[in-house]
Amino acid sequence: MVAAAEVGASDLVEVFKALGNPARLQIMQWLREPDRYFSAYEPIADRRSVGVCVTHIQGKSGLAQSTVSSYMSTLERAGLVRSTRVGKWTHYRRDEERLAEVARAMAASV
């Protein structure tokens, strides 16, 4: 585990850039309660442990699949989500530990 002190300014900038897009911020909010926000979609795998399928995020957001994939890659590079492959589908879930580290780093530096 990375200590909060190790979340540097450049890491925070990447997080803010990733969350600066309204659609990516909305996706992060949906992923906080995946059973609530994706209940209209039949889960391919357990949403809590594996995450939500890109296809379901795409369906809910109304964005093109390529846009959703790009957005999820941005969130993953910022360390905010983790991906898991289930068959041919990629699932994403929030990295709550990383989000807590970012929150601690923000509290210590802002």
PDB file of N, CA and C in Angstrom:
ATOM      1  N   MET A   1       0.839  -1.180   0.000  1.00  0.00           N
ATOM      2  CA  MET A   1       0.000   0.000   0.000  1.00  0.00           C
ATOM      3  C   MET A   1       0.884   1.243   0.000  1.00  0.00           C
ATOM      4  N   VAL A   2       0.528   2.215  -0.821  1.00  0.00           N
ATOM      5  CA  VAL A   2       1.262   3.469  -0.894  1.00  0.00           C
ATOM      6  C   VAL A   2       0.749   4.374   0.216  1.00  0.00           C
ATOM      7  N   ALA A   3       1.655   4.934   0.978  1.00  0.00           N
ATOM      8  CA  ALA A   3       1.260   5.845   2.047  1.00  0.00           C
ATOM      9  C   ALA A   3       0.738   7.137   1.446  1.00  0.00           C
ATOM     10  N   ALA A   4      -0.165   7.798   2.160  1.00  0.00           N
ATOM     11  CA  ALA A   4      -0.757   9.039   1.671  1.00  0.00           C
ATOM     12  C   ALA A   4       0.311  10.064   1.330  1.00  0.00           C
ATOM     13  N   ALA A   5       1.394  10.099   2.090  1.00  0.00           N
ATOM     14  CA  ALA A   5       2.467  11.057   1.846  1.00  0.00           C
ATOM     15  C   ALA A   5       3.115  10.816   0.489  1.00  0.00           C
ATOM     16  N   GLU A   6       2.988   9.597  -0.044  1.00  0.00           N
ATOM     17  CA  GLU A   6       3.589   9.273  -1.324  1.00  0.00           C
ATOM     18  C   GLU A   6       2.715   9.659  -2.506  1.00  0.00           C
ATOM     19  N   VAL A   7       1.504  10.125  -2.255  1.00  0.00           N
ATOM     20  CA  VAL A   7       0.656  10.626  -3.326  1.00  0.00           C
ATOM     21  C   VAL A   7       1.085  12.070  -3.544  1.00  0.00           C
ATOM     22  N   GLY A   8       1.883  12.259  -4.576  1.00  0.00           N
ATOM     23  CA  GLY A   8       2.484  13.565  -4.811  1.00  0.00           C
ATOM     24  C   GLY A   8       1.589  14.508  -5.582  1.00  0.00           C
ATOM     25  N   ALA A   9       2.092  15.705  -5.763  1.00  0.00           N
ATOM     26  CA  ALA A   9       1.349  16.744  -6.469  1.00  0.00           C
ATOM     27  C   ALA A   9       1.012  16.318  -7.895  1.00  0.00           C
ATOM     28  N   SER A  10       1.952  15.674  -8.572  1.00  0.00           N
ATOM     29  CA  SER A  10       1.673  15.258  -9.950  1.00  0.00           C
ATOM     30  C   SER A  10       0.575  14.191  -9.990  1.00  0.00           C
ATOM     31  N   ASP A  11       0.535  13.322  -8.969  1.00  0.00           N
ATOM     32  CA  ASP A  11      -0.548  12.329  -8.876  1.00  0.00           C
ATOM     33  C   ASP A  11      -1.892  13.030  -8.710  1.00  0.00           C
ATOM     34  N   LEU A  12      -1.922  14.035  -7.842  1.00  0.00           N
ATOM     35  CA  LEU A  12      -3.169  14.768  -7.616  1.00  0.00           C
ATOM     36  C   LEU A  12      -3.623  15.492  -8.879  1.00  0.00           C
ATOM     37  N   VAL A  13      -2.687  16.040  -9.620  1.00  0.00           N
ATOM     38  CA  VAL A  13      -3.038  16.719 -10.871  1.00  0.00           C
ATOM     39  C   VAL A  13      -3.688  15.733 -11.831  1.00  0.00           C
ATOM     40  N   GLU A  14      -3.136  14.519 -11.938  1.00  0.00           N
ATOM     41  CA  GLU A  14      -3.720  13.503 -12.818  1.00  0.00           C
ATOM     42  C   GLU A  14      -5.132  13.123 -12.363  1.00  0.00           C
ATOM     43  N   VAL A  15      -5.323  13.015 -11.063  1.00  0.00           N
ATOM     44  CA  VAL A  15      -6.654  12.704 -10.524  1.00  0.00           C
ATOM     45  C   VAL A  15      -7.626  13.815 -10.877  1.00  0.00           C
ATOM     46  N   PHE A  16      -7.210  15.068 -10.662  1.00  0.00           N
ATOM     47  CA  PHE A  16      -8.094  16.196 -10.960  1.00  0.00           C
ATOM     48  C   PHE A  16      -8.414  16.282 -12.442  1.00  0.00           C
ATOM     49  N   LYS A  17      -7.427  16.005 -13.288  1.00  0.00           N
ATOM     50  CA  LYS A  17      -7.676  15.990 -14.738  1.00  0.00           C
ATOM     51  C   LYS A  17      -8.705  14.923 -15.089  1.00  0.00           C
ATOM     52  N   ALA A  18      -8.539  13.737 -14.505  1.00  0.00           N
ATOM     53  CA  ALA A  18      -9.454  12.638 -14.806  1.00  0.00           C
ATOM     54  C   ALA A  18     -10.869  12.966 -14.353  1.00  0.00           C
ATOM     55  N   LEU A  19     -10.998  13.587 -13.188  1.00  0.00           N
ATOM     56  CA  LEU A  19     -12.318  13.900 -12.649  1.00  0.00           C
ATOM     57  C   LEU A  19     -12.858  15.225 -13.173  1.00  0.00           C
ATOM     58  N   GLY A  20     -12.048  15.972 -13.917  1.00  0.00           N
ATOM     59  CA  GLY A  20     -12.471  17.255 -14.454  1.00  0.00           C
ATOM     60  C   GLY A  20     -13.455  17.146 -15.601  1.00  0.00           C
ATOM     61  N   ASN A  21     -13.628  15.958 -16.119  1.00  0.00           N
ATOM     62  CA  ASN A  21     -14.593  15.718 -17.187  1.00  0.00           C
ATOM     63  C   ASN A  21     -15.911  15.296 -16.551  1.00  0.00           C
ATOM     64  N   PRO A  22     -17.015  15.988 -16.848  1.00  0.00           N
ATOM     65  CA  PRO A  22     -18.289  15.657 -16.207  1.00  0.00           C
ATOM     66  C   PRO A  22     -18.744  14.212 -16.404  1.00  0.00           C
ATOM     67  N   ALA A  23     -18.514  13.653 -17.575  1.00  0.00           N
ATOM     68  CA  ALA A  23     -18.934  12.266 -17.823  1.00  0.00           C
ATOM     69  C   ALA A  23     -18.112  11.291 -16.982  1.00  0.00           C
ATOM     70  N   ARG A  24     -16.805  11.514 -16.882  1.00  0.00           N
ATOM     71  CA  ARG A  24     -15.976  10.625 -16.057  1.00  0.00           C
ATOM     72  C   ARG A  24     -16.348  10.754 -14.584  1.00  0.00           C
ATOM     73  N   LEU A  25     -16.628  11.961 -14.135  1.00  0.00           N
ATOM     74  CA  LEU A  25     -17.062  12.161 -12.757  1.00  0.00           C
ATOM     75  C   LEU A  25     -18.380  11.430 -12.512  1.00  0.00           C
ATOM     76  N   GLN A  26     -19.304  11.506 -13.461  1.00  0.00           N
ATOM     77  CA  GLN A  26     -20.588  10.809 -13.331  1.00  0.00           C
ATOM     78  C   GLN A  26     -20.381   9.296 -13.251  1.00  0.00           C
ATOM     79  N   ILE A  27     -19.513   8.768 -14.077  1.00  0.00           N
ATOM     80  CA  ILE A  27     -19.223   7.332 -14.054  1.00  0.00           C
ATOM     81  C   ILE A  27     -18.682   6.921 -12.690  1.00  0.00           C
ATOM     82  N   MET A  28     -17.777   7.723 -12.141  1.00  0.00           N
ATOM     83  CA  MET A  28     -17.237   7.418 -10.804  1.00  0.00           C
ATOM     84  C   MET A  28     -18.349   7.415  -9.762  1.00  0.00           C
ATOM     85  N   GLN A  29     -19.296   8.324  -9.884  1.00  0.00           N
ATOM     86  CA  GLN A  29     -20.421   8.358  -8.953  1.00  0.00           C
ATOM     87  C   GLN A  29     -21.276   7.106  -9.110  1.00  0.00           C
ATOM     88  N   TRP A  30     -21.537   6.695 -10.335  1.00  0.00           N
ATOM     89  CA  TRP A  30     -22.310   5.473 -10.563  1.00  0.00           C
ATOM     90  C   TRP A  30     -21.597   4.251  -9.997  1.00  0.00           C
ATOM     91  N   LEU A  31     -20.282   4.192 -10.183  1.00  0.00           N
ATOM     92  CA  LEU A  31     -19.524   3.026  -9.723  1.00  0.00           C
ATOM     93  C   LEU A  31     -19.460   2.939  -8.196  1.00  0.00           C
ATOM     94  N   ARG A  32     -19.769   4.020  -7.526  1.00  0.00           N
ATOM     95  CA  ARG A  32     -19.783   3.991  -6.055  1.00  0.00           C
ATOM     96  C   ARG A  32     -20.890   3.067  -5.557  1.00  0.00           C
ATOM     97  N   GLU A  33     -22.010   3.031  -6.268  1.00  0.00           N
ATOM     98  CA  GLU A  33     -23.134   2.164  -5.915  1.00  0.00           C
ATOM     99  C   GLU A  33     -23.589   1.407  -7.164  1.00  0.00           C
ATOM    100  N   PRO A  34     -22.786   0.452  -7.612  1.00  0.00           N
ATOM    101  CA  PRO A  34     -23.080  -0.202  -8.890  1.00  0.00           C
ATOM    102  C   PRO A  34     -24.413  -0.953  -8.912  1.00  0.00           C
ATOM    103  N   ASP A  35     -24.810  -1.564  -7.812  1.00  0.00           N
ATOM    104  CA  ASP A  35     -26.084  -2.292  -7.809  1.00  0.00           C
ATOM    105  C   ASP A  35     -27.261  -1.344  -7.979  1.00  0.00           C
ATOM    106  N   ARG A  36     -27.134  -0.163  -7.446  1.00  0.00           N
ATOM    107  CA  ARG A  36     -28.200   0.839  -7.559  1.00  0.00           C
ATOM    108  C   ARG A  36     -28.286   1.401  -8.975  1.00  0.00           C
ATOM    109  N   TYR A  37     -27.152   1.818  -9.517  1.00  0.00           N
ATOM    110  CA  TYR A  37     -27.157   2.531 -10.785  1.00  0.00           C
ATOM    111  C   TYR A  37     -27.172   1.637 -12.025  1.00  0.00           C
ATOM    112  N   PHE A  38     -26.813   0.383 -11.861  1.00  0.00           N
ATOM    113  CA  PHE A  38     -26.783  -0.524 -13.015  1.00  0.00           C
ATOM    114  C   PHE A  38     -27.770  -1.675 -12.863  1.00  0.00           C
ATOM    115  N   SER A  39     -28.785  -1.490 -12.043  1.00  0.00           N
ATOM    116  CA  SER A  39     -29.755  -2.566 -11.793  1.00  0.00           C
ATOM    117  C   SER A  39     -30.545  -2.953 -13.041  1.00  0.00           C
ATOM    118  N   ALA A  40     -30.636  -2.074 -14.019  1.00  0.00           N
ATOM    119  CA  ALA A  40     -31.366  -2.371 -15.254  1.00  0.00           C
ATOM    120  C   ALA A  40     -30.609  -3.357 -16.149  1.00  0.00           C
ATOM    121  N   TYR A  41     -29.350  -3.618 -15.821  1.00  0.00           N
ATOM    122  CA  TYR A  41     -28.509  -4.481 -16.649  1.00  0.00           C
ATOM    123  C   TYR A  41     -28.223  -5.780 -15.905  1.00  0.00           C
ATOM    124  N   GLU A  42     -28.370  -6.884 -16.610  1.00  0.00           N
ATOM    125  CA  GLU A  42     -28.059  -8.196 -16.034  1.00  0.00           C
ATOM    126  C   GLU A  42     -26.552  -8.281 -15.809  1.00  0.00           C
ATOM    127  N   PRO A  43     -26.121  -8.487 -14.562  1.00  0.00           N
ATOM    128  CA  PRO A  43     -24.670  -8.527 -14.320  1.00  0.00           C
ATOM    129  C   PRO A  43     -24.024  -9.749 -14.964  1.00  0.00           C
ATOM    130  N   ILE A  44     -22.863  -9.545 -15.534  1.00  0.00           N
ATOM    131  CA  ILE A  44     -22.072 -10.628 -16.107  1.00  0.00           C
ATOM    132  C   ILE A  44     -21.261 -11.286 -14.991  1.00  0.00           C
ATOM    133  N   ALA A  45     -20.872 -10.477 -14.014  1.00  0.00           N
ATOM    134  CA  ALA A  45     -20.107 -10.935 -12.847  1.00  0.00           C
ATOM    135  C   ALA A  45     -20.552 -10.093 -11.659  1.00  0.00           C
ATOM    136  N   ASP A  46     -20.096 -10.450 -10.474  1.00  0.00           N
ATOM    137  CA  ASP A  46     -20.461  -9.706  -9.278  1.00  0.00           C
ATOM    138  C   ASP A  46     -19.967  -8.265  -9.380  1.00  0.00           C
ATOM    139  N   ARG A  47     -20.891  -7.334  -9.311  1.00  0.00           N
ATOM    140  CA  ARG A  47     -20.543  -5.923  -9.481  1.00  0.00           C
ATOM    141  C   ARG A  47     -19.657  -5.404  -8.353  1.00  0.00           C
ATOM    142  N   ARG A  48     -19.853  -5.888  -7.149  1.00  0.00           N
ATOM    143  CA  ARG A  48     -19.079  -5.391  -6.007  1.00  0.00           C
ATOM    144  C   ARG A  48     -17.618  -5.824  -6.080  1.00  0.00           C
ATOM    145  N   SER A  49     -17.371  -7.066  -6.444  1.00  0.00           N
ATOM    146  CA  SER A  49     -15.993  -7.555  -6.439  1.00  0.00           C
ATOM    147  C   SER A  49     -15.286  -7.383  -7.781  1.00  0.00           C
ATOM    148  N   VAL A  50     -16.024  -7.462  -8.885  1.00  0.00           N
ATOM    149  CA  VAL A  50     -15.405  -7.414 -10.212  1.00  0.00           C
ATOM    150  C   VAL A  50     -15.635  -6.061 -10.881  1.00  0.00           C
ATOM    151  N   GLY A  51     -16.797  -5.492 -10.676  1.00  0.00           N
ATOM    152  CA  GLY A  51     -17.099  -4.198 -11.265  1.00  0.00           C
ATOM    153  C   GLY A  51     -18.203  -4.272 -12.293  1.00  0.00           C
ATOM    154  N   VAL A  52     -18.314  -3.217 -13.058  1.00  0.00           N
ATOM    155  CA  VAL A  52     -19.369  -3.055 -14.049  1.00  0.00           C
ATOM    156  C   VAL A  52     -18.756  -3.174 -15.442  1.00  0.00           C
ATOM    157  N   CYS A  53     -19.434  -3.903 -16.296  1.00  0.00           N
ATOM    158  CA  CYS A  53     -18.987  -4.116 -17.672  1.00  0.00           C
ATOM    159  C   CYS A  53     -19.006  -2.796 -18.451  1.00  0.00           C
ATOM    160  N   VAL A  54     -18.010  -2.589 -19.291  1.00  0.00           N
ATOM    161  CA  VAL A  54     -17.947  -1.399 -20.135  1.00  0.00           C
ATOM    162  C   VAL A  54     -19.226  -1.255 -20.952  1.00  0.00           C
ATOM    163  N   THR A  55     -19.773  -2.360 -21.423  1.00  0.00           N
ATOM    164  CA  THR A  55     -21.002  -2.326 -22.216  1.00  0.00           C
ATOM    165  C   THR A  55     -22.147  -1.712 -21.422  1.00  0.00           C
ATOM    166  N   HIS A  56     -22.213  -2.008 -20.130  1.00  0.00           N
ATOM    167  CA  HIS A  56     -23.270  -1.454 -19.286  1.00  0.00           C
ATOM    168  C   HIS A  56     -23.026   0.025 -19.008  1.00  0.00           C
ATOM    169  N   ILE A  57     -21.773   0.410 -18.813  1.00  0.00           N
ATOM    170  CA  ILE A  57     -21.445   1.824 -18.626  1.00  0.00           C
ATOM    171  C   ILE A  57     -21.802   2.588 -19.898  1.00  0.00           C
ATOM    172  N   GLN A  58     -21.481   2.009 -21.025  1.00  0.00           N
ATOM    173  CA  GLN A  58     -21.790   2.623 -22.314  1.00  0.00           C
ATOM    174  C   GLN A  58     -23.309   2.776 -22.476  1.00  0.00           C
ATOM    175  N   GLY A  59     -24.059   1.730 -22.153  1.00  0.00           N
ATOM    176  CA  GLY A  59     -25.514   1.794 -22.275  1.00  0.00           C
ATOM    177  C   GLY A  59     -26.126   2.860 -21.387  1.00  0.00           C
ATOM    178  N   LYS A  60     -25.663   2.940 -20.164  1.00  0.00           N
ATOM    179  CA  LYS A  60     -26.211   3.924 -19.215  1.00  0.00           C
ATOM    180  C   LYS A  60     -25.818   5.347 -19.603  1.00  0.00           C
ATOM    181  N   SER A  61     -24.588   5.533 -20.051  1.00  0.00           N
ATOM    182  CA  SER A  61     -24.103   6.880 -20.353  1.00  0.00           C
ATOM    183  C   SER A  61     -24.598   7.390 -21.703  1.00  0.00           C
ATOM    184  N   GLY A  62     -24.880   6.481 -22.625  1.00  0.00           N
ATOM    185  CA  GLY A  62     -25.273   6.889 -23.971  1.00  0.00           C
ATOM    186  C   GLY A  62     -24.100   7.316 -24.838  1.00  0.00           C
ATOM    187  N   LEU A  63     -22.890   7.128 -24.322  1.00  0.00           N
ATOM    188  CA  LEU A  63     -21.687   7.488 -25.070  1.00  0.00           C
ATOM    189  C   LEU A  63     -21.257   6.323 -25.954  1.00  0.00           C
ATOM    190  N   ALA A  64     -20.460   6.603 -26.951  1.00  0.00           N
ATOM    191  CA  ALA A  64     -19.917   5.561 -27.819  1.00  0.00           C
ATOM    192  C   ALA A  64     -19.005   4.642 -27.001  1.00  0.00           C
ATOM    193  N   GLN A  65     -18.947   3.386 -27.403  1.00  0.00           N
ATOM    194  CA  GLN A  65     -18.121   2.409 -26.690  1.00  0.00           C
ATOM    195  C   GLN A  65     -16.673   2.846 -26.665  1.00  0.00           C
ATOM    196  N   SER A  66     -16.182   3.405 -27.764  1.00  0.00           N
ATOM    197  CA  SER A  66     -14.784   3.843 -27.812  1.00  0.00           C
ATOM    198  C   SER A  66     -14.542   4.998 -26.840  1.00  0.00           C
ATOM    199  N   THR A  67     -15.520   5.876 -26.678  1.00  0.00           N
ATOM    200  CA  THR A  67     -15.397   6.993 -25.736  1.00  0.00           C
ATOM    201  C   THR A  67     -15.357   6.476 -24.309  1.00  0.00           C
ATOM    202  N   VAL A  68     -16.250   5.544 -24.000  1.00  0.00           N
ATOM    203  CA  VAL A  68     -16.279   4.966 -22.647  1.00  0.00           C
ATOM    204  C   VAL A  68     -14.964   4.257 -22.363  1.00  0.00           C
ATOM    205  N   SER A  69     -14.468   3.487 -23.317  1.00  0.00           N
ATOM    206  CA  SER A  69     -13.185   2.798 -23.117  1.00  0.00           C
ATOM    207  C   SER A  69     -12.061   3.791 -22.874  1.00  0.00           C
ATOM    208  N   SER A  70     -12.037   4.877 -23.619  1.00  0.00           N
ATOM    209  CA  SER A  70     -11.022   5.916 -23.434  1.00  0.00           C
ATOM    210  C   SER A  70     -11.159   6.558 -22.054  1.00  0.00           C
ATOM    211  N   TYR A  71     -12.374   6.875 -21.653  1.00  0.00           N
ATOM    212  CA  TYR A  71     -12.608   7.473 -20.335  1.00  0.00           C
ATOM    213  C   TYR A  71     -12.173   6.537 -19.215  1.00  0.00           C
ATOM    214  N   MET A  72     -12.483   5.259 -19.363  1.00  0.00           N
ATOM    215  CA  MET A  72     -12.119   4.298 -18.315  1.00  0.00           C
ATOM    216  C   MET A  72     -10.606   4.131 -18.253  1.00  0.00           C
ATOM    217  N   SER A  73      -9.937   4.179 -19.386  1.00  0.00           N
ATOM    218  CA  SER A  73      -8.464   4.115 -19.397  1.00  0.00           C
ATOM    219  C   SER A  73      -7.874   5.320 -18.679  1.00  0.00           C
ATOM    220  N   THR A  74      -8.461   6.488 -18.877  1.00  0.00           N
ATOM    221  CA  THR A  74      -8.001   7.697 -18.191  1.00  0.00           C
ATOM    222  C   THR A  74      -8.171   7.548 -16.685  1.00  0.00           C
ATOM    223  N   LEU A  75      -9.322   7.059 -16.255  1.00  0.00           N
ATOM    224  CA  LEU A  75      -9.569   6.855 -14.828  1.00  0.00           C
ATOM    225  C   LEU A  75      -8.625   5.807 -14.249  1.00  0.00           C
ATOM    226  N   GLU A  76      -8.321   4.771 -15.038  1.00  0.00           N
ATOM    227  CA  GLU A  76      -7.410   3.729 -14.566  1.00  0.00           C
ATOM    228  C   GLU A  76      -5.976   4.264 -14.453  1.00  0.00           C
ATOM    229  N   ARG A  77      -5.537   5.044 -15.421  1.00  0.00           N
ATOM    230  CA  ARG A  77      -4.190   5.627 -15.347  1.00  0.00           C
ATOM    231  C   ARG A  77      -4.041   6.536 -14.133  1.00  0.00           C
ATOM    232  N   ALA A  78      -5.119   7.202 -13.752  1.00  0.00           N
ATOM    233  CA  ALA A  78      -5.098   8.073 -12.571  1.00  0.00           C
ATOM    234  C   ALA A  78      -5.199   7.261 -11.281  1.00  0.00           C
ATOM    235  N   GLY A  79      -5.402   5.948 -11.413  1.00  0.00           N
ATOM    236  CA  GLY A  79      -5.466   5.084 -10.241  1.00  0.00           C
ATOM    237  C   GLY A  79      -6.814   5.068  -9.544  1.00  0.00           C
ATOM    238  N   LEU A  80      -7.843   5.556 -10.205  1.00  0.00           N
ATOM    239  CA  LEU A  80      -9.154   5.671  -9.565  1.00  0.00           C
ATOM    240  C   LEU A  80     -10.020   4.434  -9.727  1.00  0.00           C
ATOM    241  N   VAL A  81      -9.754   3.648 -10.759  1.00  0.00           N
ATOM    242  CA  VAL A  81     -10.498   2.410 -10.991  1.00  0.00           C
ATOM    243  C   VAL A  81      -9.522   1.286 -11.309  1.00  0.00           C
ATOM    244  N   ARG A  82     -10.021   0.069 -11.151  1.00  0.00           N
ATOM    245  CA  ARG A  82      -9.258  -1.130 -11.529  1.00  0.00           C
ATOM    246  C   ARG A  82     -10.089  -1.920 -12.532  1.00  0.00           C
ATOM    247  N   SER A  83      -9.400  -2.513 -13.472  1.00  0.00           N
ATOM    248  CA  SER A  83     -10.100  -3.306 -14.483  1.00  0.00           C
ATOM    249  C   SER A  83      -9.882  -4.790 -14.253  1.00  0.00           C
ATOM    250  N   THR A  84     -10.877  -5.559 -14.653  1.00  0.00           N
ATOM    251  CA  THR A  84     -10.822  -7.018 -14.599  1.00  0.00           C
ATOM    252  C   THR A  84     -11.479  -7.551 -15.858  1.00  0.00           C
ATOM    253  N   ARG A  85     -10.808  -8.501 -16.510  1.00  0.00           N
ATOM    254  CA  ARG A  85     -11.400  -9.153 -17.688  1.00  0.00           C
ATOM    255  C   ARG A  85     -12.211 -10.347 -17.222  1.00  0.00           C
ATOM    256  N   VAL A  86     -13.417 -10.445 -17.751  1.00  0.00           N
ATOM    257  CA  VAL A  86     -14.277 -11.608 -17.535  1.00  0.00           C
ATOM    258  C   VAL A  86     -14.696 -12.060 -18.921  1.00  0.00           C
ATOM    259  N   GLY A  87     -14.053 -13.132 -19.393  1.00  0.00           N
ATOM    260  CA  GLY A  87     -14.292 -13.556 -20.770  1.00  0.00           C
ATOM    261  C   GLY A  87     -13.852 -12.463 -21.725  1.00  0.00           C
ATOM    262  N   LYS A  88     -14.758 -12.055 -22.595  1.00  0.00           N
ATOM    263  CA  LYS A  88     -14.424 -11.002 -23.557  1.00  0.00           C
ATOM    264  C   LYS A  88     -14.772  -9.609 -23.050  1.00  0.00           C
ATOM    265  N   TRP A  89     -15.283  -9.504 -21.834  1.00  0.00           N
ATOM    266  CA  TRP A  89     -15.731  -8.223 -21.285  1.00  0.00           C
ATOM    267  C   TRP A  89     -14.745  -7.666 -20.266  1.00  0.00           C
ATOM    268  N   THR A  90     -14.578  -6.355 -20.302  1.00  0.00           N
ATOM    269  CA  THR A  90     -13.769  -5.669 -19.300  1.00  0.00           C
ATOM    270  C   THR A  90     -14.705  -4.994 -18.314  1.00  0.00           C
ATOM    271  N   HIS A  91     -14.439  -5.238 -17.040  1.00  0.00           N
ATOM    272  CA  HIS A  91     -15.232  -4.658 -15.955  1.00  0.00           C
ATOM    273  C   HIS A  91     -14.364  -3.671 -15.185  1.00  0.00           C
ATOM    274  N   TYR A  92     -15.015  -2.635 -14.651  1.00  0.00           N
ATOM    275  CA  TYR A  92     -14.308  -1.638 -13.861  1.00  0.00           C
ATOM    276  C   TYR A  92     -14.991  -1.449 -12.518  1.00  0.00           C
ATOM    277  N   ARG A  93     -14.152  -1.264 -11.498  1.00  0.00           N
ATOM    278  CA  ARG A  93     -14.657  -0.914 -10.169  1.00  0.00           C
ATOM    279  C   ARG A  93     -13.750   0.155  -9.596  1.00  0.00           C
ATOM    280  N   ARG A  94     -14.321   0.929  -8.690  1.00  0.00           N
ATOM    281  CA  ARG A  94     -13.536   1.984  -8.041  1.00  0.00           C
ATOM    282  C   ARG A  94     -12.450   1.363  -7.177  1.00  0.00           C
ATOM    283  N   ASP A  95     -11.319   2.040  -7.094  1.00  0.00           N
ATOM    284  CA  ASP A  95     -10.244   1.622  -6.193  1.00  0.00           C
ATOM    285  C   ASP A  95     -10.394   2.466  -4.930  1.00  0.00           C
ATOM    286  N   GLU A  96     -11.197   1.975  -4.003  1.00  0.00           N
ATOM    287  CA  GLU A  96     -11.535   2.734  -2.797  1.00  0.00           C
ATOM    288  C   GLU A  96     -10.309   3.038  -1.941  1.00  0.00           C
ATOM    289  N   GLU A  97      -9.359   2.129  -1.909  1.00  0.00           N
ATOM    290  CA  GLU A  97      -8.135   2.359  -1.145  1.00  0.00           C
ATOM    291  C   GLU A  97      -7.365   3.545  -1.728  1.00  0.00           C
ATOM    292  N   ARG A  98      -7.233   3.564  -3.030  1.00  0.00           N
ATOM    293  CA  ARG A  98      -6.533   4.672  -3.710  1.00  0.00           C
ATOM    294  C   ARG A  98      -7.295   5.984  -3.511  1.00  0.00           C
ATOM    295  N   LEU A  99      -8.615   5.938  -3.592  1.00  0.00           N
ATOM    296  CA  LEU A  99      -9.410   7.149  -3.389  1.00  0.00           C
ATOM    297  C   LEU A  99      -9.217   7.702  -1.981  1.00  0.00           C
ATOM    298  N   ALA A 100      -9.108   6.818  -0.994  1.00  0.00           N
ATOM    299  CA  ALA A 100      -8.861   7.254   0.383  1.00  0.00           C
ATOM    300  C   ALA A 100      -7.470   7.884   0.500  1.00  0.00           C
ATOM    301  N   GLU A 101      -6.475   7.303  -0.177  1.00  0.00           N
ATOM    302  CA  GLU A 101      -5.120   7.868  -0.165  1.00  0.00           C
ATOM    303  C   GLU A 101      -5.114   9.260  -0.783  1.00  0.00           C
ATOM    304  N   VAL A 102      -5.835   9.416  -1.882  1.00  0.00           N
ATOM    305  CA  VAL A 102      -5.914  10.719  -2.544  1.00  0.00           C
ATOM    306  C   VAL A 102      -6.573  11.734  -1.616  1.00  0.00           C
ATOM    307  N   ALA A 103      -7.655  11.328  -0.942  1.00  0.00           N
ATOM    308  CA  ALA A 103      -8.334  12.230  -0.021  1.00  0.00           C
ATOM    309  C   ALA A 103      -7.410  12.664   1.121  1.00  0.00           C
ATOM    310  N   ARG A 104      -6.637  11.723   1.654  1.00  0.00           N
ATOM    311  CA  ARG A 104      -5.682  12.065   2.714  1.00  0.00           C
ATOM    312  C   ARG A 104      -4.597  13.010   2.202  1.00  0.00           C
ATOM    313  N   ALA A 105      -4.110  12.759   1.008  1.00  0.00           N
ATOM    314  CA  ALA A 105      -3.081  13.614   0.430  1.00  0.00           C
ATOM    315  C   ALA A 105      -3.625  15.028   0.185  1.00  0.00           C
ATOM    316  N   MET A 106      -4.857  15.124  -0.260  1.00  0.00           N
ATOM    317  CA  MET A 106      -5.462  16.428  -0.465  1.00  0.00           C
ATOM    318  C   MET A 106      -5.597  17.169   0.864  1.00  0.00           C
ATOM    319  N   ALA A 107      -6.049  16.466   1.882  1.00  0.00           N
ATOM    320  CA  ALA A 107      -6.223  17.087   3.202  1.00  0.00           C
ATOM    321  C   ALA A 107      -4.899  17.588   3.749  1.00  0.00           C
ATOM    322  N   ALA A 108      -3.833  16.873   3.434  1.00  0.00           N
ATOM    323  CA  ALA A 108      -2.506  17.243   3.960  1.00  0.00           C
ATOM    324  C   ALA A 108      -1.856  18.360   3.153  1.00  0.00           C
ATOM    325  N   SER A 109      -2.281  18.555   1.909  1.00  0.00           N
ATOM    326  CA  SER A 109      -1.545  19.494   1.064  1.00  0.00           C
ATOM    327  C   SER A 109      -2.339  20.730   0.644  1.00  0.00           C
ATOM    328  N   VAL A 110      -3.621  20.725   0.880  1.00  0.00           N
ATOM    329  CA  VAL A 110      -4.432  21.869   0.405  1.00  0.00           C
ATOM    330  C   VAL A 110      -4.811  22.756   1.564  1.00  0.00           C
TER     331      VAL A 110
END
